[in-house]
Amino acid sequence: MEAAFKPQVNGELDTQNFMKFDEVESPDAARAGSGSSRKMLLTPKDLNFVGYTYKNFDAVKEGLRQSLSESMQDYASKRTTDETGLQMLASSGDPMLP
């Protein structure tokens, strides 16, 4: 099947086939900005919290505890499996084993 329209392109940066729009800044873009324009949009209540960040350290600690607990369980089960394998080799009666 052939395309209905094949545009003529004069290079990878050629934009002649795109529609042209006036550059208009949306109100959302101004609010998302930073600097003095953003400060003018802040209410007095917002100004009390400029530069404030929050992190729930209890949640972070809990996540670390769970991660460490899972890692230790994985290590313990792997170590038990390795020791069982060594015990089986040692009891096999192979004269080459110590």
C-alpha atoms as a PDB file:
ATOM      1  CA  MET A   1       0.000   0.000   0.000  1.00  0.00           C
ATOM      2  CA  GLU A   2       1.354   3.413  -0.883  1.00  0.00           C
ATOM      3  CA  ALA A   3       1.092   6.487   1.347  1.00  0.00           C
ATOM      4  CA  ALA A   4      -1.558   9.048   0.434  1.00  0.00           C
ATOM      5  CA  PHE A   5       0.911  11.917   0.821  1.00  0.00           C
ATOM      6  CA  LYS A   6       4.700  11.859   0.519  1.00  0.00           C
ATOM      7  CA  PRO A   7       6.202  15.092   1.844  1.00  0.00           C
ATOM      8  CA  GLN A   8       9.287  16.625   0.285  1.00  0.00           C
ATOM      9  CA  VAL A   9      12.016  16.830   2.921  1.00  0.00           C
ATOM     10  CA  ASN A  10      15.225  18.787   2.392  1.00  0.00           C
ATOM     11  CA  GLY A  11      17.150  17.410   5.369  1.00  0.00           C
ATOM     12  CA  GLU A  12      16.751  16.136   8.909  1.00  0.00           C
ATOM     13  CA  LEU A  13      16.106  19.654  10.262  1.00  0.00           C
ATOM     14  CA  ASP A  14      13.539  20.604   7.596  1.00  0.00           C
ATOM     15  CA  THR A  15      10.267  21.724   9.230  1.00  0.00           C
ATOM     16  CA  GLN A  16       8.452  23.120   6.196  1.00  0.00           C
ATOM     17  CA  ASN A  17       5.729  20.450   6.420  1.00  0.00           C
ATOM     18  CA  PHE A  18       4.743  21.310   9.996  1.00  0.00           C
ATOM     19  CA  MET A  19       2.006  23.801  10.844  1.00  0.00           C
ATOM     20  CA  LYS A  20       3.181  27.131  12.229  1.00  0.00           C
ATOM     21  CA  PHE A  21       1.813  28.316  15.584  1.00  0.00           C
ATOM     22  CA  ASP A  22       2.238  31.571  17.486  1.00  0.00           C
ATOM     23  CA  GLU A  23       4.393  31.141  20.565  1.00  0.00           C
ATOM     24  CA  VAL A  24       2.057  31.623  23.530  1.00  0.00           C
ATOM     25  CA  GLU A  25       3.071  30.827  27.087  1.00  0.00           C
ATOM     26  CA  SER A  26       0.394  28.933  28.975  1.00  0.00           C
ATOM     27  CA  PRO A  27      -0.518  29.976  32.548  1.00  0.00           C
ATOM     28  CA  ASP A  28       0.614  26.543  33.785  1.00  0.00           C
ATOM     29  CA  ALA A  29       4.098  27.056  32.342  1.00  0.00           C
ATOM     30  CA  ALA A  30       4.504  30.309  34.270  1.00  0.00           C
ATOM     31  CA  ARG A  31       3.460  28.641  37.531  1.00  0.00           C
ATOM     32  CA  ALA A  32       5.867  25.741  37.021  1.00  0.00           C
ATOM     33  CA  GLY A  33       8.782  28.133  36.557  1.00  0.00           C
ATOM     34  CA  SER A  34      11.187  29.290  39.177  1.00  0.00           C
ATOM     35  CA  GLY A  35      12.658  32.547  40.311  1.00  0.00           C
ATOM     36  CA  SER A  36      10.869  35.849  40.801  1.00  0.00           C
ATOM     37  CA  SER A  37       7.876  34.966  38.592  1.00  0.00           C
ATOM     38  CA  ARG A  38       7.122  31.966  40.770  1.00  0.00           C
ATOM     39  CA  LYS A  39       7.552  33.927  43.990  1.00  0.00           C
ATOM     40  CA  MET A  40       4.903  36.402  42.865  1.00  0.00           C
ATOM     41  CA  LEU A  41       2.393  33.537  42.554  1.00  0.00           C
ATOM     42  CA  LEU A  42       2.945  32.291  46.109  1.00  0.00           C
ATOM     43  CA  THR A  43       0.397  33.127  48.788  1.00  0.00           C
ATOM     44  CA  PRO A  44       1.477  34.294  52.264  1.00  0.00           C
ATOM     45  CA  LYS A  45       0.780  30.771  53.555  1.00  0.00           C
ATOM     46  CA  ASP A  46       3.065  29.317  50.870  1.00  0.00           C
ATOM     47  CA  LEU A  47       5.891  31.676  51.864  1.00  0.00           C
ATOM     48  CA  ASN A  48       6.082  29.991  55.276  1.00  0.00           C
ATOM     49  CA  PHE A  49       7.168  26.777  53.565  1.00  0.00           C
ATOM     50  CA  VAL A  50       9.653  28.020  50.932  1.00  0.00           C
ATOM     51  CA  GLY A  51      12.676  25.706  51.038  1.00  0.00           C
ATOM     52  CA  TYR A  52      10.963  23.200  53.326  1.00  0.00           C
ATOM     53  CA  THR A  53      11.325  19.525  52.494  1.00  0.00           C
ATOM     54  CA  TYR A  54       9.885  16.512  54.265  1.00  0.00           C
ATOM     55  CA  LYS A  55      11.045  12.940  54.468  1.00  0.00           C
ATOM     56  CA  ASN A  56       9.401  10.273  56.592  1.00  0.00           C
ATOM     57  CA  PHE A  57      12.518   8.770  58.173  1.00  0.00           C
ATOM     58  CA  ASP A  58      10.508   6.061  59.943  1.00  0.00           C
ATOM     59  CA  ALA A  59       9.337   4.775  56.553  1.00  0.00           C
ATOM     60  CA  VAL A  60      12.894   4.913  55.210  1.00  0.00           C
ATOM     61  CA  LYS A  61      14.215   2.979  58.222  1.00  0.00           C
ATOM     62  CA  GLU A  62      11.446   0.372  57.866  1.00  0.00           C
ATOM     63  CA  GLY A  63      12.298  -0.107  54.195  1.00  0.00           C
ATOM     64  CA  LEU A  64      15.966  -0.614  55.074  1.00  0.00           C
ATOM     65  CA  ARG A  65      15.056  -3.096  57.812  1.00  0.00           C
ATOM     66  CA  GLN A  66      12.954  -5.141  55.400  1.00  0.00           C
ATOM     67  CA  SER A  67      15.670  -5.059  52.759  1.00  0.00           C
ATOM     68  CA  LEU A  68      18.371  -6.151  55.218  1.00  0.00           C
ATOM     69  CA  SER A  69      16.122  -8.856  56.638  1.00  0.00           C
ATOM     70  CA  GLU A  70      15.463 -10.285  53.173  1.00  0.00           C
ATOM     71  CA  SER A  71      19.171 -10.152  52.317  1.00  0.00           C
ATOM     72  CA  MET A  72      20.090 -12.002  55.513  1.00  0.00           C
ATOM     73  CA  GLN A  73      17.451 -14.667  54.823  1.00  0.00           C
ATOM     74  CA  ASP A  74      18.804 -15.152  51.294  1.00  0.00           C
ATOM     75  CA  TYR A  75      22.366 -15.388  52.645  1.00  0.00           C
ATOM     76  CA  ALA A  76      21.368 -17.866  55.364  1.00  0.00           C
ATOM     77  CA  SER A  77      19.500 -20.137  52.960  1.00  0.00           C
ATOM     78  CA  LYS A  78      22.392 -20.070  50.455  1.00  0.00           C
ATOM     79  CA  ARG A  79      24.916 -20.793  53.204  1.00  0.00           C
ATOM     80  CA  THR A  80      22.838 -23.729  54.495  1.00  0.00           C
ATOM     81  CA  THR A  81      22.584 -25.126  50.958  1.00  0.00           C
ATOM     82  CA  ASP A  82      26.362 -24.798  50.461  1.00  0.00           C
ATOM     83  CA  GLU A  83      27.125 -26.476  53.812  1.00  0.00           C
ATOM     84  CA  THR A  84      24.732 -29.327  53.015  1.00  0.00           C
ATOM     85  CA  GLY A  85      26.506 -29.858  49.705  1.00  0.00           C
ATOM     86  CA  LEU A  86      29.893 -29.943  51.446  1.00  0.00           C
ATOM     87  CA  GLN A  87      28.612 -32.441  54.004  1.00  0.00           C
ATOM     88  CA  MET A  88      27.334 -34.671  51.210  1.00  0.00           C
ATOM     89  CA  LEU A  89      30.724 -34.534  49.462  1.00  0.00           C
ATOM     90  CA  ALA A  90      32.580 -35.288  52.690  1.00  0.00           C
ATOM     91  CA  SER A  91      30.414 -38.295  53.461  1.00  0.00           C
ATOM     92  CA  SER A  92      30.716 -39.724  49.957  1.00  0.00           C
ATOM     93  CA  GLY A  93      33.869 -41.646  50.865  1.00  0.00           C
ATOM     94  CA  ASP A  94      35.978 -40.074  48.126  1.00  0.00           C
ATOM     95  CA  PRO A  95      39.670 -40.627  49.089  1.00  0.00           C
ATOM     96  CA  MET A  96      40.598 -37.288  47.491  1.00  0.00           C
ATOM     97  CA  LEU A  97      38.496 -35.329  49.975  1.00  0.00           C
ATOM     98  CA  PRO A  98      40.098 -34.209  53.269  1.00  0.00           C
END
